Amino acid sequence: MNMNNELDAAFSDLLAARCTPDVVRLIDSGNSAGTNTLWQHLEDSGFLDALVPEDQGGAGLALRDVLGLVQACGQHALPLPFAETMAARAVCALAGQAAPIGPVALDAVARWLPADTLRTLQATLNAGLIAGAGTRVLQLSLDHAQQRVQFGKPIGSFQAVQHQLAVMAEQASSARMAAQLAFSSFTHLPQPLLAAMAMTVAGEAANTLVSGSHAVHGAIGITAEYELQLYTRRLLAWRTAAGSPAYWSQQVAAHWLQAGGCDTVNFALHAFEQAAT
């Protein structure tokens, strides 16, 4: 197992133990004790300093190394801004500033990043969160389709449900690939074009995953006692938190025009060349 896999597995195990659906519901209800306890576990783990340079007490990782951490936040519906705080600490460290105490939104470091860069970073983090939550939503839907019986058969045996699940699987895969694209940077900041491409895809995938999962689950999916709504509410929030998919597709078009309106193949090569720099 390589270092990234070990890192991802350790963080996922931490969230599996400490960020259960019951804890998520507790924090969503405004319980400050639950918030403080979970945040202390995250603080003690050291993962929040993953992007901080080694000579400043961090792990010195780049965006490409922490995608698994951000996806795990989505997979466990983490109700605290771990990804944003991790990124904010890196921005502060590289600006020679002390990091804010406790959980923060990226707006807390707005003075040290241009507005467009800040928005692009938020979009990248959201793409990773969508990828993680999308994987979980798909699994919940597959499990439900195998367990729910109608007319003497699991509903997963019906062609209409199978089609819905197939579309969801395609979109979940698209979201994961989009996140990989956004997180391909060797620094703590993403490439604007790649982030725009990623959120265009991930944002649309989120919408399809939400509608598809609730169609498969029926009324039970929106009940407070059931897990699904913990994820779908967040998917809908993340898909527009830094701009709608339409906004990000416009940014892709702007980059295309800047590249001289080149053909699609050359434009794709241009995007991957940016990822390598």
Protein backbone atom coordinates (compact mmCIF):
# COMPACT_ATOMS: atom_id res chain seq x y z
CA MET A 1 0.00 0.00 0.00
CA ASN A 2 1.48 3.38 -0.97
CA MET A 3 1.55 6.45 1.26
CA ASN A 4 -1.57 8.02 -0.25
CA ASN A 5 -3.58 4.83 0.19
CA GLU A 6 -2.45 4.55 3.81
CA LEU A 7 -3.34 8.20 4.40
CA ASP A 8 -6.77 7.81 2.82
CA ALA A 9 -7.51 4.59 4.70
CA ALA A 10 -6.53 6.08 8.06
CA PHE A 11 -8.72 9.14 7.53
CA SER A 12 -11.64 7.07 6.27
CA ASP A 13 -11.36 4.84 9.35
CA LEU A 14 -11.39 7.92 11.57
CA LEU A 15 -14.57 9.22 9.96
CA ALA A 16 -16.23 5.80 10.00
CA ALA A 17 -15.70 5.68 13.76
CA ARG A 18 -16.38 9.32 14.67
CA CYS A 19 -18.70 10.68 11.96
CA THR A 20 -21.59 8.24 12.06
CA PRO A 21 -25.04 9.16 10.67
CA ASP A 22 -26.23 9.77 14.23
CA VAL A 23 -23.39 12.23 14.82
CA VAL A 24 -24.15 13.98 11.53
CA ARG A 25 -27.81 14.37 12.54
CA LEU A 26 -26.76 15.67 15.94
CA ILE A 27 -24.51 18.34 14.44
CA ASP A 28 -27.08 19.21 11.77
CA SER A 29 -29.52 19.91 14.60
CA GLY A 30 -27.15 22.56 15.97
CA ASN A 31 -25.64 20.57 18.83
CA SER A 32 -22.45 22.45 19.78
CA ALA A 33 -21.07 19.67 21.99
CA GLY A 34 -21.23 17.23 19.08
CA THR A 35 -19.54 19.78 16.82
CA ASN A 36 -16.74 20.45 19.29
CA THR A 37 -16.11 16.77 19.96
CA LEU A 38 -15.89 15.79 16.30
CA TRP A 39 -13.73 18.79 15.45
CA GLN A 40 -11.32 17.92 18.25
CA HIS A 41 -10.93 14.43 16.80
CA LEU A 42 -10.10 15.97 13.41
CA GLU A 43 -7.69 18.44 14.99
CA ASP A 44 -5.91 15.74 16.98
CA SER A 45 -5.52 13.54 13.91
CA GLY A 46 -3.17 15.99 12.18
CA PHE A 47 -4.89 15.64 8.82
CA LEU A 48 -5.87 19.31 8.80
CA ASP A 49 -2.23 20.25 8.17
CA ALA A 50 -1.81 17.92 5.19
CA LEU A 51 -1.24 20.82 2.74
CA VAL A 52 0.94 22.92 5.06
CA PRO A 53 4.66 22.84 4.10
CA GLU A 54 6.83 20.46 6.10
CA ASP A 55 9.09 23.24 7.35
CA GLN A 56 6.00 24.81 8.95
CA GLY A 57 4.85 21.69 10.72
CA GLY A 58 2.63 20.16 8.02
CA ALA A 59 2.84 17.12 5.75
CA GLY A 60 3.87 19.14 2.69
CA LEU A 61 1.37 17.44 0.39
CA ALA A 62 -0.15 18.84 -2.81
CA LEU A 63 -3.77 18.84 -3.99
CA ARG A 64 -3.19 15.64 -5.96
CA ASP A 65 -2.31 13.89 -2.68
CA VAL A 66 -5.42 14.86 -0.68
CA LEU A 67 -8.26 13.99 -3.04
CA GLY A 68 -8.92 10.83 -1.02
CA LEU A 69 -9.32 12.89 2.15
CA VAL A 70 -11.85 15.23 0.56
CA GLN A 71 -13.77 12.36 -1.01
CA ALA A 72 -13.95 10.67 2.39
CA CYS A 73 -15.59 13.82 3.78
CA GLY A 74 -18.28 13.45 1.11
CA GLN A 75 -18.64 9.70 1.65
CA HIS A 76 -19.33 10.23 5.35
CA ALA A 77 -21.39 13.43 4.97
CA LEU A 78 -18.94 15.21 7.27
CA PRO A 79 -20.94 18.20 8.60
CA LEU A 80 -17.85 20.32 9.30
CA PRO A 81 -15.63 22.25 6.82
CA PHE A 82 -12.59 19.96 6.99
CA ALA A 83 -11.60 20.46 3.34
CA GLU A 84 -11.97 24.24 3.50
CA THR A 85 -9.98 24.46 6.74
CA MET A 86 -7.24 22.22 5.35
CA ALA A 87 -6.93 24.47 2.29
CA ALA A 88 -7.14 27.66 4.38
CA ARG A 89 -4.28 26.53 6.60
CA ALA A 90 -2.09 25.99 3.53
CA VAL A 91 -2.93 29.44 2.17
CA CYS A 92 -2.11 31.04 5.52
CA ALA A 93 1.15 29.15 5.89
CA LEU A 94 2.36 30.16 2.43
CA ALA A 95 1.33 33.76 3.10
CA GLY A 96 3.32 33.76 6.34
CA GLN A 97 0.18 34.18 8.41
CA ALA A 98 -1.15 32.36 11.44
CA ALA A 99 -4.04 30.06 10.58
CA PRO A 100 -7.46 30.85 12.08
CA ILE A 101 -8.44 28.73 15.07
CA GLY A 102 -11.09 26.07 14.59
CA PRO A 103 -13.20 25.26 11.53
CA VAL A 104 -13.26 28.01 8.89
CA ALA A 105 -14.68 28.72 5.47
CA LEU A 106 -12.37 29.74 2.65
CA ASP A 107 -13.65 33.30 2.95
CA ALA A 108 -11.48 33.54 6.06
CA VAL A 109 -8.37 33.72 3.84
CA ALA A 110 -9.84 35.96 1.15
CA ARG A 111 -7.28 38.70 1.85
CA TRP A 112 -4.44 36.41 0.74
CA LEU A 113 -5.97 35.01 -2.43
CA PRO A 114 -7.49 36.74 -5.49
CA ALA A 115 -11.26 36.29 -5.61
CA ASP A 116 -11.13 34.18 -8.78
CA THR A 117 -8.49 31.88 -7.28
CA LEU A 118 -10.51 31.51 -4.09
CA ARG A 119 -13.61 30.58 -6.07
CA THR A 120 -11.66 28.09 -8.17
CA LEU A 121 -10.24 26.46 -5.04
CA GLN A 122 -13.72 26.20 -3.52
CA ALA A 123 -15.02 24.63 -6.73
CA THR A 124 -12.22 22.07 -6.67
CA LEU A 125 -12.99 21.09 -3.09
CA ASN A 126 -16.69 20.83 -3.95
CA ALA A 127 -15.92 18.54 -6.88
CA GLY A 128 -14.09 16.19 -4.50
CA LEU A 129 -16.93 16.27 -1.99
CA ILE A 130 -19.46 15.53 -4.74
CA ALA A 131 -17.37 12.59 -5.94
CA GLY A 132 -17.31 11.11 -2.44
CA ALA A 133 -20.98 11.64 -1.65
CA GLY A 134 -21.99 10.46 -5.12
CA THR A 135 -20.26 7.12 -4.54
CA ARG A 136 -22.13 6.70 -1.26
CA VAL A 137 -25.49 7.67 -2.76
CA LEU A 138 -25.02 5.11 -5.53
CA GLN A 139 -24.19 2.38 -3.01
CA LEU A 140 -27.22 3.21 -0.87
CA SER A 141 -29.41 3.01 -3.97
CA LEU A 142 -27.93 -0.33 -5.06
CA ASP A 143 -28.43 -1.77 -1.58
CA HIS A 144 -32.03 -0.54 -1.44
CA ALA A 145 -32.82 -1.95 -4.89
CA GLN A 146 -31.56 -5.36 -3.80
CA GLN A 147 -33.43 -5.36 -0.50
CA ARG A 148 -36.76 -3.70 -1.38
CA VAL A 149 -39.29 -6.25 -2.67
CA GLN A 150 -42.35 -5.45 -4.80
CA PHE A 151 -44.59 -7.97 -6.55
CA GLY A 152 -42.49 -10.75 -5.07
CA LYS A 153 -39.19 -9.52 -6.56
CA PRO A 154 -36.41 -7.12 -5.55
CA ILE A 155 -37.06 -3.83 -7.33
CA GLY A 156 -33.52 -4.05 -8.71
CA SER A 157 -34.75 -6.80 -11.04
CA PHE A 158 -37.07 -4.37 -12.84
CA GLN A 159 -35.70 -2.88 -16.04
CA ALA A 160 -36.74 0.69 -15.23
CA VAL A 161 -34.86 0.59 -11.92
CA GLN A 162 -31.85 -1.05 -13.54
CA HIS A 163 -31.75 1.75 -16.09
CA GLN A 164 -31.91 4.36 -13.33
CA LEU A 165 -29.06 2.69 -11.47
CA ALA A 166 -26.98 2.42 -14.63
CA VAL A 167 -27.34 6.16 -15.27
CA MET A 168 -26.38 6.86 -11.66
CA ALA A 169 -23.31 4.62 -11.92
CA GLU A 170 -22.22 6.48 -15.03
CA GLN A 171 -22.65 9.85 -13.32
CA ALA A 172 -20.86 8.74 -10.14
CA SER A 173 -17.92 7.61 -12.26
CA SER A 174 -17.95 10.91 -14.17
CA ALA A 175 -17.86 12.84 -10.89
CA ARG A 176 -14.87 10.83 -9.65
CA MET A 177 -12.95 11.40 -12.88
CA ALA A 178 -13.83 15.10 -12.78
CA ALA A 179 -12.49 15.35 -9.23
CA GLN A 180 -9.26 13.62 -10.25
CA LEU A 181 -8.86 16.24 -12.96
CA ALA A 182 -9.44 19.13 -10.56
CA PHE A 183 -7.07 17.71 -7.95
CA SER A 184 -4.22 16.96 -10.38
CA SER A 185 -2.18 19.98 -9.24
CA PHE A 186 1.32 19.59 -7.78
CA THR A 187 0.70 22.63 -5.54
CA HIS A 188 -2.00 23.60 -3.03
CA LEU A 189 -3.93 25.47 -5.75
CA PRO A 190 -5.78 24.03 -8.76
CA GLN A 191 -5.50 24.97 -12.41
CA PRO A 192 -8.51 27.22 -13.24
CA LEU A 193 -9.39 25.45 -16.49
CA LEU A 194 -9.32 22.01 -14.90
CA ALA A 195 -11.40 23.17 -11.95
CA ALA A 196 -13.97 24.68 -14.31
CA MET A 197 -14.16 21.49 -16.36
CA ALA A 198 -14.49 19.41 -13.20
CA MET A 199 -17.34 21.41 -11.68
CA THR A 200 -19.19 21.48 -14.99
CA VAL A 201 -19.23 17.68 -14.94
CA ALA A 202 -19.51 17.09 -11.18
CA GLY A 203 -22.30 19.64 -10.76
CA GLU A 204 -24.46 17.98 -13.40
CA ALA A 205 -23.63 14.55 -11.97
CA ALA A 206 -24.77 15.68 -8.52
CA ASN A 207 -28.19 16.67 -9.86
CA THR A 208 -28.65 13.33 -11.63
CA LEU A 209 -27.52 11.36 -8.58
CA VAL A 210 -29.94 13.19 -6.31
CA SER A 211 -32.95 12.75 -8.57
CA GLY A 212 -32.07 9.17 -9.44
CA SER A 213 -31.48 8.04 -5.88
CA HIS A 214 -34.76 9.49 -4.65
CA ALA A 215 -36.59 7.89 -7.56
CA VAL A 216 -35.14 4.50 -6.59
CA HIS A 217 -35.85 4.94 -2.87
CA GLY A 218 -39.30 6.50 -3.12
CA ALA A 219 -40.70 8.33 -0.09
CA ILE A 220 -38.35 6.69 2.41
CA GLY A 221 -35.41 8.62 0.96
CA ILE A 222 -36.58 11.96 2.34
CA THR A 223 -37.30 10.78 5.88
CA ALA A 224 -35.07 12.10 8.67
CA GLU A 225 -34.45 8.57 9.96
CA TYR A 226 -33.00 7.39 6.65
CA GLU A 227 -29.40 8.07 5.57
CA LEU A 228 -29.98 9.15 1.98
CA GLN A 229 -31.12 12.70 2.68
CA LEU A 230 -27.93 13.40 4.65
CA TYR A 231 -26.06 13.08 1.35
CA THR A 232 -28.49 14.44 -1.20
CA ARG A 233 -28.99 17.69 0.72
CA ARG A 234 -25.24 18.21 0.67
CA LEU A 235 -24.90 17.27 -2.99
CA LEU A 236 -27.40 19.96 -3.94
CA ALA A 237 -25.58 22.53 -1.80
CA TRP A 238 -22.09 21.67 -3.11
CA ARG A 239 -23.12 21.76 -6.78
CA THR A 240 -23.87 25.50 -6.61
CA ALA A 241 -21.82 26.74 -3.62
CA ALA A 242 -19.06 28.15 -5.85
CA GLY A 243 -21.18 28.72 -8.95
CA SER A 244 -23.66 26.63 -10.91
CA PRO A 245 -22.58 24.09 -13.56
CA ALA A 246 -23.75 26.65 -16.15
CA TYR A 247 -21.34 29.22 -14.69
CA TRP A 248 -18.43 26.79 -14.83
CA SER A 249 -19.26 25.71 -18.37
CA GLN A 250 -19.06 29.39 -19.32
CA GLN A 251 -15.59 29.50 -17.76
CA VAL A 252 -14.56 26.51 -19.87
CA ALA A 253 -15.84 28.32 -22.95
CA ALA A 254 -13.86 31.43 -21.99
CA HIS A 255 -10.69 29.35 -21.73
CA TRP A 256 -11.48 27.79 -25.11
CA LEU A 257 -11.76 31.24 -26.68
CA GLN A 258 -8.48 32.29 -25.05
CA ALA A 259 -6.86 29.22 -26.59
CA GLY A 260 -7.94 30.52 -30.01
CA GLY A 261 -11.08 28.46 -30.42
CA CYS A 262 -8.95 25.39 -31.21
CA ASP A 263 -10.50 22.02 -31.96
CA THR A 264 -11.65 19.82 -29.11
CA VAL A 265 -8.66 17.45 -29.19
CA ASN A 266 -6.11 20.28 -29.03
CA PHE A 267 -8.11 21.99 -26.30
CA ALA A 268 -8.08 18.79 -24.22
CA LEU A 269 -4.33 18.53 -24.74
CA HIS A 270 -4.02 22.15 -23.62
CA ALA A 271 -5.92 21.33 -20.43
CA PHE A 272 -3.69 18.36 -19.60
CA GLU A 273 -0.58 20.39 -20.32
CA GLN A 274 -1.77 22.85 -17.69
CA ALA A 275 -2.12 19.98 -15.22
CA ALA A 276 1.48 18.97 -15.81
CA THR A 277 2.90 22.45 -15.15
